[in-house]
Amino acid sequence: MASPKSDIPQGTLDLLVLKVVAPAPLHGYGIAQRLQQLSRDVVQVQQGSLYPALHRLENRGLLAAEWRPSDTGREAKFYSLTRKGRRQLAAEESGWRRLTEAIGLILANAEGEIT
């Protein structure tokens, strides 16, 4: 049985996109595939959510885009992280780790005393 899809929390898609393009430029379809692969099919981003996020990140100066041939030979828009995008990624990643740690503490200790 396949794992159910998961809706990602509001604002998380930008962080995930920045994270997967950090190592190397990717085109939109490649970003969606990488997110799905890394999450073991839990995160499946639809085009209607992904492309507006890519445009938003590009407009904010966090991603740079360049048209070039993809593996299939067709032209595709490849996205890469800018210097500003790397700083934003570091800040968002730090905030996300603090939040998930705090949520983990609450889930682990809500029925007993906090350690």
C-alpha atoms as a PDB file:
ATOM      1  CA  MET A   1       0.000   0.000   0.000  1.00  0.00           C
ATOM      2  CA  ALA A   2       1.368   3.408  -0.965  1.00  0.00           C
ATOM      3  CA  SER A   3       1.986   6.021   1.698  1.00  0.00           C
ATOM      4  CA  PRO A   4      -0.625   8.769   1.828  1.00  0.00           C
ATOM      5  CA  LYS A   5       0.361  12.148   0.458  1.00  0.00           C
ATOM      6  CA  SER A   6       0.954  14.863   3.005  1.00  0.00           C
ATOM      7  CA  ASP A   7      -0.028  18.502   2.756  1.00  0.00           C
ATOM      8  CA  ILE A   8       3.009  20.528   3.680  1.00  0.00           C
ATOM      9  CA  PRO A   9       2.486  23.399   6.131  1.00  0.00           C
ATOM     10  CA  GLN A  10       1.997  26.891   4.739  1.00  0.00           C
ATOM     11  CA  GLY A  11       5.329  28.539   3.929  1.00  0.00           C
ATOM     12  CA  THR A  12       7.307  25.290   3.963  1.00  0.00           C
ATOM     13  CA  LEU A  13       7.438  24.838   0.182  1.00  0.00           C
ATOM     14  CA  ASP A  14       9.833  27.781  -0.235  1.00  0.00           C
ATOM     15  CA  LEU A  15      12.250  26.256   2.278  1.00  0.00           C
ATOM     16  CA  LEU A  16      12.080  22.854   0.579  1.00  0.00           C
ATOM     17  CA  VAL A  17      12.675  24.330  -2.874  1.00  0.00           C
ATOM     18  CA  LEU A  18      15.667  26.340  -1.666  1.00  0.00           C
ATOM     19  CA  LYS A  19      17.087  23.228  -0.004  1.00  0.00           C
ATOM     20  CA  VAL A  20      16.836  20.947  -3.065  1.00  0.00           C
ATOM     21  CA  VAL A  21      18.337  23.470  -5.492  1.00  0.00           C
ATOM     22  CA  ALA A  22      21.222  24.334  -3.124  1.00  0.00           C
ATOM     23  CA  PRO A  23      23.575  21.564  -4.355  1.00  0.00           C
ATOM     24  CA  ALA A  24      23.002  22.116  -8.090  1.00  0.00           C
ATOM     25  CA  PRO A  25      20.601  23.845 -10.498  1.00  0.00           C
ATOM     26  CA  LEU A  26      17.377  21.978 -11.273  1.00  0.00           C
ATOM     27  CA  HIS A  27      14.390  22.590 -13.519  1.00  0.00           C
ATOM     28  CA  GLY A  28      10.849  22.629 -12.142  1.00  0.00           C
ATOM     29  CA  TYR A  29      10.045  18.997 -12.915  1.00  0.00           C
ATOM     30  CA  GLY A  30      13.391  17.942 -11.417  1.00  0.00           C
ATOM     31  CA  ILE A  31      12.619  19.879  -8.235  1.00  0.00           C
ATOM     32  CA  ALA A  32       9.243  18.157  -7.886  1.00  0.00           C
ATOM     33  CA  GLN A  33      10.815  14.739  -8.521  1.00  0.00           C
ATOM     34  CA  ARG A  34      13.619  15.369  -6.019  1.00  0.00           C
ATOM     35  CA  LEU A  35      11.175  16.452  -3.306  1.00  0.00           C
ATOM     36  CA  GLN A  36       9.090  13.343  -3.901  1.00  0.00           C
ATOM     37  CA  GLN A  37      12.156  11.090  -3.934  1.00  0.00           C
ATOM     38  CA  LEU A  38      13.754  12.537  -0.786  1.00  0.00           C
ATOM     39  CA  SER A  39      10.463  12.359   1.127  1.00  0.00           C
ATOM     40  CA  ARG A  40       9.832   8.746   0.051  1.00  0.00           C
ATOM     41  CA  ASP A  41       6.715   9.828  -1.863  1.00  0.00           C
ATOM     42  CA  VAL A  42       5.156  11.740   1.031  1.00  0.00           C
ATOM     43  CA  VAL A  43       5.741  15.216  -0.457  1.00  0.00           C
ATOM     44  CA  GLN A  44       4.182  15.504  -3.905  1.00  0.00           C
ATOM     45  CA  VAL A  45       4.092  19.092  -5.115  1.00  0.00           C
ATOM     46  CA  GLN A  46       1.639  19.927  -7.865  1.00  0.00           C
ATOM     47  CA  GLN A  47       2.577  22.283 -10.720  1.00  0.00           C
ATOM     48  CA  GLY A  48      -0.072  24.726  -9.528  1.00  0.00           C
ATOM     49  CA  SER A  49       1.862  25.162  -6.282  1.00  0.00           C
ATOM     50  CA  LEU A  50       5.441  24.686  -7.473  1.00  0.00           C
ATOM     51  CA  TYR A  51       5.660  27.160 -10.351  1.00  0.00           C
ATOM     52  CA  PRO A  52       4.144  30.105  -8.443  1.00  0.00           C
ATOM     53  CA  ALA A  53       6.641  29.349  -5.635  1.00  0.00           C
ATOM     54  CA  LEU A  54       9.542  29.310  -8.118  1.00  0.00           C
ATOM     55  CA  HIS A  55       8.449  32.645  -9.596  1.00  0.00           C
ATOM     56  CA  ARG A  56       7.999  34.143  -6.127  1.00  0.00           C
ATOM     57  CA  LEU A  57      11.488  32.999  -5.055  1.00  0.00           C
ATOM     58  CA  GLU A  58      12.987  34.309  -8.293  1.00  0.00           C
ATOM     59  CA  ASN A  59      11.236  37.677  -7.863  1.00  0.00           C
ATOM     60  CA  ARG A  60      12.571  37.918  -4.290  1.00  0.00           C
ATOM     61  CA  GLY A  61      16.121  37.381  -5.586  1.00  0.00           C
ATOM     62  CA  LEU A  62      16.514  34.034  -3.802  1.00  0.00           C
ATOM     63  CA  LEU A  63      16.699  31.999  -7.020  1.00  0.00           C
ATOM     64  CA  ALA A  64      18.302  32.767 -10.364  1.00  0.00           C
ATOM     65  CA  ALA A  65      16.916  31.140 -13.508  1.00  0.00           C
ATOM     66  CA  GLU A  66      18.558  30.215 -16.786  1.00  0.00           C
ATOM     67  CA  TRP A  67      17.130  28.538 -19.885  1.00  0.00           C
ATOM     68  CA  ARG A  68      19.207  25.600 -21.096  1.00  0.00           C
ATOM     69  CA  PRO A  69      18.737  22.111 -22.553  1.00  0.00           C
ATOM     70  CA  SER A  70      17.462  19.427 -20.190  1.00  0.00           C
ATOM     71  CA  ASP A  71      18.339  15.719 -20.276  1.00  0.00           C
ATOM     72  CA  THR A  72      15.596  15.238 -22.859  1.00  0.00           C
ATOM     73  CA  GLY A  73      17.133  17.870 -25.138  1.00  0.00           C
ATOM     74  CA  ARG A  74      14.256  20.303 -24.632  1.00  0.00           C
ATOM     75  CA  GLU A  75      14.879  23.786 -23.275  1.00  0.00           C
ATOM     76  CA  ALA A  76      13.990  24.080 -19.599  1.00  0.00           C
ATOM     77  CA  LYS A  77      14.327  26.825 -17.020  1.00  0.00           C
ATOM     78  CA  PHE A  78      16.944  25.772 -14.462  1.00  0.00           C
ATOM     79  CA  TYR A  79      16.842  27.363 -11.022  1.00  0.00           C
ATOM     80  CA  SER A  80      19.861  27.923  -8.799  1.00  0.00           C
ATOM     81  CA  LEU A  81      20.342  29.480  -5.395  1.00  0.00           C
ATOM     82  CA  THR A  82      21.662  33.037  -5.220  1.00  0.00           C
ATOM     83  CA  ARG A  83      23.877  34.336  -2.424  1.00  0.00           C
ATOM     84  CA  LYS A  84      20.786  35.953  -0.892  1.00  0.00           C
ATOM     85  CA  GLY A  85      18.990  32.613  -1.284  1.00  0.00           C
ATOM     86  CA  ARG A  86      21.747  30.798   0.634  1.00  0.00           C
ATOM     87  CA  ARG A  87      21.397  33.250   3.529  1.00  0.00           C
ATOM     88  CA  GLN A  88      17.609  32.860   3.483  1.00  0.00           C
ATOM     89  CA  LEU A  89      17.924  29.069   3.404  1.00  0.00           C
ATOM     90  CA  ALA A  90      20.241  29.084   6.432  1.00  0.00           C
ATOM     91  CA  ALA A  91      17.864  31.316   8.394  1.00  0.00           C
ATOM     92  CA  GLU A  92      14.743  29.324   7.480  1.00  0.00           C
ATOM     93  CA  GLU A  93      16.434  25.998   8.124  1.00  0.00           C
ATOM     94  CA  SER A  94      17.556  27.151  11.574  1.00  0.00           C
ATOM     95  CA  GLY A  95      14.055  28.367  12.423  1.00  0.00           C
ATOM     96  CA  TRP A  96      12.473  25.149  11.155  1.00  0.00           C
ATOM     97  CA  ARG A  97      14.855  23.000  13.236  1.00  0.00           C
ATOM     98  CA  ARG A  98      14.043  25.024  16.391  1.00  0.00           C
ATOM     99  CA  LEU A  99      10.315  24.678  15.744  1.00  0.00           C
ATOM    100  CA  THR A 100      10.399  20.933  15.031  1.00  0.00           C
ATOM    101  CA  GLU A 101      12.526  20.342  18.128  1.00  0.00           C
ATOM    102  CA  ALA A 102      10.020  22.275  20.235  1.00  0.00           C
ATOM    103  CA  ILE A 103       7.087  20.356  18.728  1.00  0.00           C
ATOM    104  CA  GLY A 104       8.931  17.099  19.378  1.00  0.00           C
ATOM    105  CA  LEU A 105       9.359  18.071  23.033  1.00  0.00           C
ATOM    106  CA  ILE A 106       5.664  18.856  23.344  1.00  0.00           C
ATOM    107  CA  LEU A 107       4.634  15.573  21.711  1.00  0.00           C
ATOM    108  CA  ALA A 108       7.009  13.562  23.877  1.00  0.00           C
ATOM    109  CA  ASN A 109       6.164  15.250  27.162  1.00  0.00           C
ATOM    110  CA  ALA A 110       2.589  16.541  26.967  1.00  0.00           C
ATOM    111  CA  GLU A 111       1.249  13.748  29.175  1.00  0.00           C
ATOM    112  CA  GLY A 112       4.018  13.873  31.739  1.00  0.00           C
ATOM    113  CA  GLU A 113       6.470  16.255  33.261  1.00  0.00           C
ATOM    114  CA  ILE A 114       8.807  18.191  31.002  1.00  0.00           C
ATOM    115  CA  THR A 115      12.362  16.979  31.344  1.00  0.00           C
END
